[in-house]
All heavy atoms as atom14 arrays in JSON, in Angstrom:
{
  "sequence": "QMPYIKGFTFPSDISNFLGVNVSSEMKKQKARMLTTKKPTSWLK",
  "atom14_mask": [
    [1, 1, 1, 1, 1, 1, 1, 1, 1, 0, 0, 0, 0, 0],
    [1, 1, 1, 1, 1, 1, 1, 1, 0, 0, 0, 0, 0, 0],
    [1, 1, 1, 1, 1, 1, 1, 0, 0, 0, 0, 0, 0, 0],
    [1, 1, 1, 1, 1, 1, 1, 1, 1, 1, 1, 1, 0, 0],
    [1, 1, 1, 1, 1, 1, 1, 1, 0, 0, 0, 0, 0, 0],
    [1, 1, 1, 1, 1, 1, 1, 1, 1, 0, 0, 0, 0, 0],
    [1, 1, 1, 1, 0, 0, 0, 0, 0, 0, 0, 0, 0, 0],
    [1, 1, 1, 1, 1, 1, 1, 1, 1, 1, 1, 0, 0, 0],
    [1, 1, 1, 1, 1, 1, 1, 0, 0, 0, 0, 0, 0, 0],
    [1, 1, 1, 1, 1, 1, 1, 1, 1, 1, 1, 0, 0, 0],
    [1, 1, 1, 1, 1, 1, 1, 0, 0, 0, 0, 0, 0, 0],
    [1, 1, 1, 1, 1, 1, 0, 0, 0, 0, 0, 0, 0, 0],
    [1, 1, 1, 1, 1, 1, 1, 1, 0, 0, 0, 0, 0, 0],
    [1, 1, 1, 1, 1, 1, 1, 1, 0, 0, 0, 0, 0, 0],
    [1, 1, 1, 1, 1, 1, 0, 0, 0, 0, 0, 0, 0, 0],
    [1, 1, 1, 1, 1, 1, 1, 1, 0, 0, 0, 0, 0, 0],
    [1, 1, 1, 1, 1, 1, 1, 1, 1, 1, 1, 0, 0, 0],
    [1, 1, 1, 1, 1, 1, 1, 1, 0, 0, 0, 0, 0, 0],
    [1, 1, 1, 1, 0, 0, 0, 0, 0, 0, 0, 0, 0, 0],
    [1, 1, 1, 1, 1, 1, 1, 0, 0, 0, 0, 0, 0, 0],
    [1, 1, 1, 1, 1, 1, 1, 1, 0, 0, 0, 0, 0, 0],
    [1, 1, 1, 1, 1, 1, 1, 0, 0, 0, 0, 0, 0, 0],
    [1, 1, 1, 1, 1, 1, 0, 0, 0, 0, 0, 0, 0, 0],
    [1, 1, 1, 1, 1, 1, 0, 0, 0, 0, 0, 0, 0, 0],
    [1, 1, 1, 1, 1, 1, 1, 1, 1, 0, 0, 0, 0, 0],
    [1, 1, 1, 1, 1, 1, 1, 1, 0, 0, 0, 0, 0, 0],
    [1, 1, 1, 1, 1, 1, 1, 1, 1, 0, 0, 0, 0, 0],
    [1, 1, 1, 1, 1, 1, 1, 1, 1, 0, 0, 0, 0, 0],
    [1, 1, 1, 1, 1, 1, 1, 1, 1, 0, 0, 0, 0, 0],
    [1, 1, 1, 1, 1, 1, 1, 1, 1, 0, 0, 0, 0, 0],
    [1, 1, 1, 1, 1, 0, 0, 0, 0, 0, 0, 0, 0, 0],
    [1, 1, 1, 1, 1, 1, 1, 1, 1, 1, 1, 0, 0, 0],
    [1, 1, 1, 1, 1, 1, 1, 1, 0, 0, 0, 0, 0, 0],
    [1, 1, 1, 1, 1, 1, 1, 1, 0, 0, 0, 0, 0, 0],
    [1, 1, 1, 1, 1, 1, 1, 0, 0, 0, 0, 0, 0, 0],
    [1, 1, 1, 1, 1, 1, 1, 0, 0, 0, 0, 0, 0, 0],
    [1, 1, 1, 1, 1, 1, 1, 1, 1, 0, 0, 0, 0, 0],
    [1, 1, 1, 1, 1, 1, 1, 1, 1, 0, 0, 0, 0, 0],
    [1, 1, 1, 1, 1, 1, 1, 0, 0, 0, 0, 0, 0, 0],
    [1, 1, 1, 1, 1, 1, 1, 0, 0, 0, 0, 0, 0, 0],
    [1, 1, 1, 1, 1, 1, 0, 0, 0, 0, 0, 0, 0, 0],
    [1, 1, 1, 1, 1, 1, 1, 1, 1, 1, 1, 1, 1, 1],
    [1, 1, 1, 1, 1, 1, 1, 1, 0, 0, 0, 0, 0, 0],
    [1, 1, 1, 1, 1, 1, 1, 1, 1, 0, 0, 0, 0, 0]
  ],
  "atom14_positions": [
    [[126.54, 111.53, 126.37], [125.38, 112.15, 125.75], [125.68, 112.48, 124.28], [126.53, 113.31, 123.98], [125.01, 113.44, 126.5], [124.29, 113.21, 127.81], [122.82, 112.83, 127.6], [122.27, 113.02, 126.52], [122.2, 112.29, 128.64], [0.0, 0.0, 0.0], [0.0, 0.0, 0.0], [0.0, 0.0, 0.0], [0.0, 0.0, 0.0], [0.0, 0.0, 0.0]],
    [[124.97, 111.82, 123.37], [125.09, 112.1, 121.94], [123.69, 112.03, 121.31], [123.39, 111.16, 120.51], [126.01, 111.09, 121.26], [127.46, 111.19, 121.67], [128.45, 109.89, 120.87], [128.16, 110.25, 119.15], [0.0, 0.0, 0.0], [0.0, 0.0, 0.0], [0.0, 0.0, 0.0], [0.0, 0.0, 0.0], [0.0, 0.0, 0.0], [0.0, 0.0, 0.0]],
    [[122.8, 112.94, 121.7], [121.42, 112.87, 121.17], [121.41, 113.09, 119.66], [122.06, 114.0, 119.14], [120.7, 113.99, 121.92], [121.77, 114.93, 122.34], [122.99, 114.1, 122.58], [0.0, 0.0, 0.0], [0.0, 0.0, 0.0], [0.0, 0.0, 0.0], [0.0, 0.0, 0.0], [0.0, 0.0, 0.0], [0.0, 0.0, 0.0], [0.0, 0.0, 0.0]],
    [[120.66, 112.25, 118.98], [120.57, 112.32, 117.51], [119.17, 112.78, 117.08], [119.02, 113.64, 116.21], [120.89, 110.94, 116.91], [120.72, 110.87, 115.42], [121.55, 111.6, 114.58], [119.74, 110.06, 114.85], [121.39, 111.53, 113.2], [119.59, 109.98, 113.48], [120.41, 110.72, 112.66], [120.26, 110.66, 111.3], [0.0, 0.0, 0.0], [0.0, 0.0, 0.0]],
    [[118.14, 112.21, 117.67], [116.76, 112.58, 117.35], [116.29, 113.56, 118.41], [116.16, 113.21, 119.58], [115.85, 111.33, 117.3], [116.34, 110.39, 116.2], [114.4, 111.72, 117.07], [115.63, 109.08, 116.14], [0.0, 0.0, 0.0], [0.0, 0.0, 0.0], [0.0, 0.0, 0.0], [0.0, 0.0, 0.0], [0.0, 0.0, 0.0], [0.0, 0.0, 0.0]],
    [[116.01, 114.78, 117.99], [115.64, 115.84, 118.92], [114.17, 116.2, 118.71], [113.62, 116.06, 117.63], [116.53, 117.06, 118.71], [118.01, 116.77, 118.93], [118.86, 118.0, 118.67], [120.35, 117.68, 118.87], [121.21, 118.87, 118.6], [0.0, 0.0, 0.0], [0.0, 0.0, 0.0], [0.0, 0.0, 0.0], [0.0, 0.0, 0.0], [0.0, 0.0, 0.0]],
    [[113.55, 116.65, 119.78], [112.15, 117.05, 119.72], [111.18, 115.9, 119.83], [109.98, 116.06, 119.59], [0.0, 0.0, 0.0], [0.0, 0.0, 0.0], [0.0, 0.0, 0.0], [0.0, 0.0, 0.0], [0.0, 0.0, 0.0], [0.0, 0.0, 0.0], [0.0, 0.0, 0.0], [0.0, 0.0, 0.0], [0.0, 0.0, 0.0], [0.0, 0.0, 0.0]],
    [[111.66, 114.72, 120.19], [110.79, 113.55, 120.35], [111.22, 112.8, 121.59], [112.4, 112.5, 121.79], [110.89, 112.63, 119.13], [110.07, 111.37, 119.25], [108.7, 111.39, 119.08], [110.69, 110.15, 119.54], [107.95, 110.24, 119.19], [109.95, 109.0, 119.66], [108.57, 109.04, 119.49], [0.0, 0.0, 0.0], [0.0, 0.0, 0.0], [0.0, 0.0, 0.0]],
    [[110.26, 112.5, 122.44], [110.52, 111.75, 123.67], [110.09, 110.3, 123.45], [108.93, 110.04, 123.13], [109.75, 112.35, 124.85], [110.11, 113.73, 125.0], [110.07, 111.59, 126.13], [0.0, 0.0, 0.0], [0.0, 0.0, 0.0], [0.0, 0.0, 0.0], [0.0, 0.0, 0.0], [0.0, 0.0, 0.0], [0.0, 0.0, 0.0], [0.0, 0.0, 0.0]],
    [[111.02, 109.39, 123.61], [110.7, 107.98, 123.43], [109.79, 107.51, 124.56], [110.12, 107.68, 125.74], [111.97, 107.14, 123.39], [112.77, 107.34, 122.14], [113.81, 108.27, 122.1], [112.49, 106.62, 120.99], [114.54, 108.46, 120.94], [113.22, 106.79, 119.83], [114.24, 107.72, 119.8], [0.0, 0.0, 0.0], [0.0, 0.0, 0.0], [0.0, 0.0, 0.0]],
    [[108.66, 106.91, 124.24], [107.73, 106.47, 125.3], [108.32, 105.31, 126.09], [108.95, 104.41, 125.54], [106.48, 106.04, 124.51], [106.98, 105.69, 123.15], [108.15, 106.6, 122.88], [0.0, 0.0, 0.0], [0.0, 0.0, 0.0], [0.0, 0.0, 0.0], [0.0, 0.0, 0.0], [0.0, 0.0, 0.0], [0.0, 0.0, 0.0], [0.0, 0.0, 0.0]],
    [[108.09, 105.36, 127.39], [108.58, 104.28, 128.24], [107.7, 103.04, 128.13], [108.17, 101.91, 128.32], [108.64, 104.74, 129.7], [107.36, 105.19, 130.13], [0.0, 0.0, 0.0], [0.0, 0.0, 0.0], [0.0, 0.0, 0.0], [0.0, 0.0, 0.0], [0.0, 0.0, 0.0], [0.0, 0.0, 0.0], [0.0, 0.0, 0.0], [0.0, 0.0, 0.0]],
    [[106.43, 103.24, 127.81], [105.49, 102.13, 127.63], [104.99, 102.16, 126.2], [104.27, 103.08, 125.8], [104.33, 102.25, 128.62], [103.43, 101.01, 128.59], [103.76, 100.05, 127.87], [102.39, 101.01, 129.29], [0.0, 0.0, 0.0], [0.0, 0.0, 0.0], [0.0, 0.0, 0.0], [0.0, 0.0, 0.0], [0.0, 0.0, 0.0], [0.0, 0.0, 0.0]],
    [[105.35, 101.15, 125.43], [104.97, 101.14, 124.02], [103.47, 100.9, 123.83], [102.88, 101.3, 122.82], [105.8, 100.08, 123.25], [105.61, 100.24, 121.75], [105.45, 98.68, 123.71], [106.52, 99.36, 120.92], [0.0, 0.0, 0.0], [0.0, 0.0, 0.0], [0.0, 0.0, 0.0], [0.0, 0.0, 0.0], [0.0, 0.0, 0.0], [0.0, 0.0, 0.0]],
    [[102.83, 100.25, 124.8], [101.39, 100.0, 124.68], [100.61, 101.31, 124.69], [99.64, 101.49, 123.93], [100.91, 99.09, 125.82], [101.54, 97.84, 125.76], [0.0, 0.0, 0.0], [0.0, 0.0, 0.0], [0.0, 0.0, 0.0], [0.0, 0.0, 0.0], [0.0, 0.0, 0.0], [0.0, 0.0, 0.0], [0.0, 0.0, 0.0], [0.0, 0.0, 0.0]],
    [[101.04, 102.27, 125.54], [100.39, 103.58, 125.55], [100.63, 104.32, 124.25], [99.76, 105.05, 123.76], [100.9, 104.4, 126.73], [100.48, 103.82, 128.07], [99.47, 103.12, 128.16], [101.27, 104.08, 129.09], [0.0, 0.0, 0.0], [0.0, 0.0, 0.0], [0.0, 0.0, 0.0], [0.0, 0.0, 0.0], [0.0, 0.0, 0.0], [0.0, 0.0, 0.0]],
    [[101.81, 104.14, 123.67], [102.11, 104.8, 122.4], [101.25, 104.25, 121.27], [100.75, 104.99, 120.42], [103.6, 104.61, 122.06], [103.98, 105.12, 120.69], [104.17, 106.48, 120.48], [104.15, 104.26, 119.63], [104.52, 106.96, 119.23], [104.51, 104.71, 118.38], [104.69, 106.07, 118.17], [0.0, 0.0, 0.0], [0.0, 0.0, 0.0], [0.0, 0.0, 0.0]],
    [[101.04, 102.93, 121.26], [100.21, 102.32, 120.23], [98.74, 102.65, 120.4], [97.97, 102.64, 119.44], [100.41, 100.8, 120.23], [101.82, 100.32, 119.88], [101.9, 98.8, 119.98], [102.22, 100.77, 118.48], [0.0, 0.0, 0.0], [0.0, 0.0, 0.0], [0.0, 0.0, 0.0], [0.0, 0.0, 0.0], [0.0, 0.0, 0.0], [0.0, 0.0, 0.0]],
    [[98.33, 102.94, 121.63], [96.97, 103.38, 121.88], [95.95, 102.28, 122.03], [94.76, 102.57, 122.22], [0.0, 0.0, 0.0], [0.0, 0.0, 0.0], [0.0, 0.0, 0.0], [0.0, 0.0, 0.0], [0.0, 0.0, 0.0], [0.0, 0.0, 0.0], [0.0, 0.0, 0.0], [0.0, 0.0, 0.0], [0.0, 0.0, 0.0], [0.0, 0.0, 0.0]],
    [[96.35, 101.03, 121.92], [95.42, 99.91, 122.07], [96.09, 98.82, 122.88], [97.33, 98.73, 122.95], [94.99, 99.32, 120.7], [94.18, 100.32, 119.91], [96.2, 98.86, 119.9], [0.0, 0.0, 0.0], [0.0, 0.0, 0.0], [0.0, 0.0, 0.0], [0.0, 0.0, 0.0], [0.0, 0.0, 0.0], [0.0, 0.0, 0.0], [0.0, 0.0, 0.0]],
    [[95.26, 98.0, 123.5], [95.75, 96.79, 124.15], [95.89, 95.71, 123.08], [94.89, 95.24, 122.51], [94.76, 96.34, 125.24], [95.33, 95.22, 126.09], [96.25, 94.51, 125.67], [94.79, 95.06, 127.27], [0.0, 0.0, 0.0], [0.0, 0.0, 0.0], [0.0, 0.0, 0.0], [0.0, 0.0, 0.0], [0.0, 0.0, 0.0], [0.0, 0.0, 0.0]],
    [[97.12, 95.35, 122.76], [97.38, 94.49, 121.61], [96.68, 93.14, 121.75], [96.05, 92.64, 120.81], [98.9, 94.31, 121.41], [99.18, 93.33, 120.28], [99.56, 95.64, 121.12], [0.0, 0.0, 0.0], [0.0, 0.0, 0.0], [0.0, 0.0, 0.0], [0.0, 0.0, 0.0], [0.0, 0.0, 0.0], [0.0, 0.0, 0.0], [0.0, 0.0, 0.0]],
    [[96.75, 92.53, 122.92], [96.17, 91.2, 123.1], [94.66, 91.22, 122.92], [94.09, 90.39, 122.2], [96.52, 90.66, 124.49], [97.92, 90.56, 124.66], [0.0, 0.0, 0.0], [0.0, 0.0, 0.0], [0.0, 0.0, 0.0], [0.0, 0.0, 0.0], [0.0, 0.0, 0.0], [0.0, 0.0, 0.0], [0.0, 0.0, 0.0], [0.0, 0.0, 0.0]],
    [[93.98, 92.2, 123.54], [92.52, 92.28, 123.41], [92.11, 92.63, 122.0], [91.1, 92.13, 121.49], [91.96, 93.31, 124.39], [92.49, 94.6, 124.11], [0.0, 0.0, 0.0], [0.0, 0.0, 0.0], [0.0, 0.0, 0.0], [0.0, 0.0, 0.0], [0.0, 0.0, 0.0], [0.0, 0.0, 0.0], [0.0, 0.0, 0.0], [0.0, 0.0, 0.0]],
    [[92.9, 93.48, 121.32], [92.57, 93.85, 119.94], [92.68, 92.64, 119.01], [91.85, 92.44, 118.12], [93.51, 94.96, 119.47], [93.21, 95.49, 118.08], [91.9, 96.24, 117.99], [91.39, 96.67, 119.04], [91.37, 96.38, 116.87], [0.0, 0.0, 0.0], [0.0, 0.0, 0.0], [0.0, 0.0, 0.0], [0.0, 0.0, 0.0], [0.0, 0.0, 0.0]],
    [[93.71, 91.81, 119.22], [93.86, 90.61, 118.39], [92.71, 89.63, 118.63], [92.21, 88.99, 117.7], [95.2, 89.93, 118.69], [96.43, 90.74, 118.33], [96.51, 91.25, 116.62], [95.96, 92.95, 116.74], [0.0, 0.0, 0.0], [0.0, 0.0, 0.0], [0.0, 0.0, 0.0], [0.0, 0.0, 0.0], [0.0, 0.0, 0.0], [0.0, 0.0, 0.0]],
    [[92.28, 89.52, 119.88], [91.17, 88.62, 120.19], [89.88, 89.1, 119.54], [89.08, 88.3, 119.03], [90.99, 88.5, 121.7], [92.11, 87.74, 122.4], [91.88, 87.68, 123.9], [93.01, 86.91, 124.59], [92.82, 86.87, 126.07], [0.0, 0.0, 0.0], [0.0, 0.0, 0.0], [0.0, 0.0, 0.0], [0.0, 0.0, 0.0], [0.0, 0.0, 0.0]],
    [[89.65, 90.43, 119.53], [88.45, 90.97, 118.89], [88.46, 90.7, 117.38], [87.46, 90.29, 116.81], [88.37, 92.48, 119.15], [88.04, 92.86, 120.59], [87.98, 94.37, 120.74], [87.71, 94.76, 122.18], [87.7, 96.25, 122.35], [0.0, 0.0, 0.0], [0.0, 0.0, 0.0], [0.0, 0.0, 0.0], [0.0, 0.0, 0.0], [0.0, 0.0, 0.0]],
    [[89.6, 90.94, 116.74], [89.69, 90.71, 115.3], [89.5, 89.23, 114.97], [88.81, 88.88, 114.0], [91.04, 91.21, 114.77], [91.19, 92.72, 114.79], [92.51, 93.17, 114.21], [93.3, 92.37, 113.71], [92.77, 94.47, 114.26], [0.0, 0.0, 0.0], [0.0, 0.0, 0.0], [0.0, 0.0, 0.0], [0.0, 0.0, 0.0], [0.0, 0.0, 0.0]],
    [[90.1, 88.37, 115.78], [89.96, 86.93, 115.53], [88.51, 86.49, 115.68], [88.0, 85.69, 114.88], [90.85, 86.15, 116.5], [90.87, 84.66, 116.26], [91.82, 83.96, 117.21], [91.86, 82.46, 116.96], [92.79, 81.78, 117.9], [0.0, 0.0, 0.0], [0.0, 0.0, 0.0], [0.0, 0.0, 0.0], [0.0, 0.0, 0.0], [0.0, 0.0, 0.0]],
    [[87.83, 87.03, 116.7], [86.42, 86.68, 116.9], [85.57, 87.15, 115.73], [84.67, 86.44, 115.26], [85.92, 87.28, 118.21], [0.0, 0.0, 0.0], [0.0, 0.0, 0.0], [0.0, 0.0, 0.0], [0.0, 0.0, 0.0], [0.0, 0.0, 0.0], [0.0, 0.0, 0.0], [0.0, 0.0, 0.0], [0.0, 0.0, 0.0], [0.0, 0.0, 0.0]],
    [[85.86, 88.35, 115.22], [85.1, 88.87, 114.08], [85.31, 88.02, 112.83], [84.38, 87.77, 112.07], [85.5, 90.32, 113.8], [85.05, 91.32, 114.83], [85.62, 92.69, 114.53], [85.17, 93.18, 113.24], [85.7, 94.25, 112.64], [86.69, 94.9, 113.21], [85.23, 94.65, 111.48], [0.0, 0.0, 0.0], [0.0, 0.0, 0.0], [0.0, 0.0, 0.0]],
    [[86.54, 87.56, 112.63], [86.84, 86.77, 111.44], [86.26, 85.36, 111.53], [85.82, 84.79, 110.54], [88.35, 86.71, 111.21], [88.97, 88.06, 110.89], [90.77, 88.03, 110.82], [91.04, 87.15, 109.29], [0.0, 0.0, 0.0], [0.0, 0.0, 0.0], [0.0, 0.0, 0.0], [0.0, 0.0, 0.0], [0.0, 0.0, 0.0], [0.0, 0.0, 0.0]],
    [[86.24, 84.79, 112.74], [85.77, 83.42, 112.9], [84.25, 83.32, 112.95], [83.69, 82.28, 112.63], [86.38, 82.8, 114.15], [87.88, 82.54, 114.11], [88.36, 81.95, 115.44], [88.26, 81.61, 112.97], [0.0, 0.0, 0.0], [0.0, 0.0, 0.0], [0.0, 0.0, 0.0], [0.0, 0.0, 0.0], [0.0, 0.0, 0.0], [0.0, 0.0, 0.0]],
    [[83.6, 84.4, 113.4], [82.15, 84.36, 113.51], [81.45, 84.98, 112.31], [80.24, 85.18, 112.34], [81.69, 85.1, 114.78], [82.19, 86.45, 114.74], [82.21, 84.42, 116.02], [0.0, 0.0, 0.0], [0.0, 0.0, 0.0], [0.0, 0.0, 0.0], [0.0, 0.0, 0.0], [0.0, 0.0, 0.0], [0.0, 0.0, 0.0], [0.0, 0.0, 0.0]],
    [[82.2, 85.27, 111.26], [81.58, 85.85, 110.07], [80.72, 84.81, 109.37], [81.05, 83.63, 109.32], [82.68, 86.35, 109.1], [83.56, 87.22, 109.81], [82.07, 87.09, 107.93], [0.0, 0.0, 0.0], [0.0, 0.0, 0.0], [0.0, 0.0, 0.0], [0.0, 0.0, 0.0], [0.0, 0.0, 0.0], [0.0, 0.0, 0.0], [0.0, 0.0, 0.0]],
    [[79.61, 85.27, 108.81], [78.73, 84.38, 108.06], [79.46, 83.84, 106.85], [79.99, 84.57, 106.02], [77.48, 85.14, 107.62], [76.52, 84.3, 106.79], [75.35, 85.15, 106.31], [74.44, 84.32, 105.41], [73.33, 85.14, 104.88], [0.0, 0.0, 0.0], [0.0, 0.0, 0.0], [0.0, 0.0, 0.0], [0.0, 0.0, 0.0], [0.0, 0.0, 0.0]],
    [[79.51, 82.51, 106.75], [80.21, 81.87, 105.63], [79.22, 81.47, 104.54], [78.1, 81.08, 104.83], [80.95, 80.61, 106.12], [81.91, 80.86, 107.26], [83.0, 81.82, 106.88], [84.08, 81.9, 107.94], [83.63, 82.34, 109.23], [0.0, 0.0, 0.0], [0.0, 0.0, 0.0], [0.0, 0.0, 0.0], [0.0, 0.0, 0.0], [0.0, 0.0, 0.0]],
    [[79.63, 81.57, 103.28], [78.74, 81.21, 102.16], [78.71, 79.71, 101.94], [79.17, 79.2, 100.91], [79.36, 81.95, 100.98], [80.82, 81.98, 101.3], [80.92, 82.09, 102.8], [0.0, 0.0, 0.0], [0.0, 0.0, 0.0], [0.0, 0.0, 0.0], [0.0, 0.0, 0.0], [0.0, 0.0, 0.0], [0.0, 0.0, 0.0], [0.0, 0.0, 0.0]],
    [[78.21, 78.96, 102.91], [78.28, 77.5, 102.82], [77.13, 76.89, 102.03], [77.27, 75.81, 101.47], [78.28, 76.9, 104.24], [77.12, 77.38, 104.94], [79.52, 77.33, 105.0], [0.0, 0.0, 0.0], [0.0, 0.0, 0.0], [0.0, 0.0, 0.0], [0.0, 0.0, 0.0], [0.0, 0.0, 0.0], [0.0, 0.0, 0.0], [0.0, 0.0, 0.0]],
    [[75.98, 77.58, 101.99], [74.79, 76.95, 101.39], [74.98, 76.69, 99.91], [74.85, 75.55, 99.44], [73.57, 77.84, 101.62], [73.81, 79.13, 101.05], [0.0, 0.0, 0.0], [0.0, 0.0, 0.0], [0.0, 0.0, 0.0], [0.0, 0.0, 0.0], [0.0, 0.0, 0.0], [0.0, 0.0, 0.0], [0.0, 0.0, 0.0], [0.0, 0.0, 0.0]],
    [[75.34, 77.72, 99.13], [75.47, 77.51, 97.69], [76.76, 76.78, 97.34], [76.84, 76.11, 96.3], [75.38, 78.84, 96.94], [76.46, 79.82, 97.26], [76.45, 80.77, 98.23], [77.73, 79.94, 96.61], [77.62, 81.47, 98.22], [78.42, 81.0, 97.23], [78.34, 79.27, 95.55], [79.68, 81.39, 96.85], [79.61, 79.66, 95.16], [80.27, 80.71, 95.81]],
    [[77.79, 76.86, 98.21], [79.01, 76.08, 97.95], [78.73, 74.59, 98.08], [79.24, 73.78, 97.3], [80.11, 76.5, 98.92], [80.87, 77.78, 98.59], [81.88, 78.11, 99.68], [81.59, 77.67, 97.25], [0.0, 0.0, 0.0], [0.0, 0.0, 0.0], [0.0, 0.0, 0.0], [0.0, 0.0, 0.0], [0.0, 0.0, 0.0], [0.0, 0.0, 0.0]],
    [[77.89, 74.21, 99.08], [77.55, 72.8, 99.23], [76.75, 72.29, 98.03], [76.95, 71.17, 97.56], [76.75, 72.6, 100.52], [77.59, 72.74, 101.79], [76.74, 72.51, 103.03], [77.6, 72.64, 104.29], [76.78, 72.46, 105.52], [0.0, 0.0, 0.0], [0.0, 0.0, 0.0], [0.0, 0.0, 0.0], [0.0, 0.0, 0.0], [0.0, 0.0, 0.0]]
  ]
}
């Protein structure tokens, strides 16, 4: 026993610590970026 960081409990599940489901969050962001309205009319 050689505790260095005191007053903090390391979480056993990092997903709960981050507070979001990483896979679903990435899918949501990707969908938002891919379905954004693109300025194609005046570029064409």
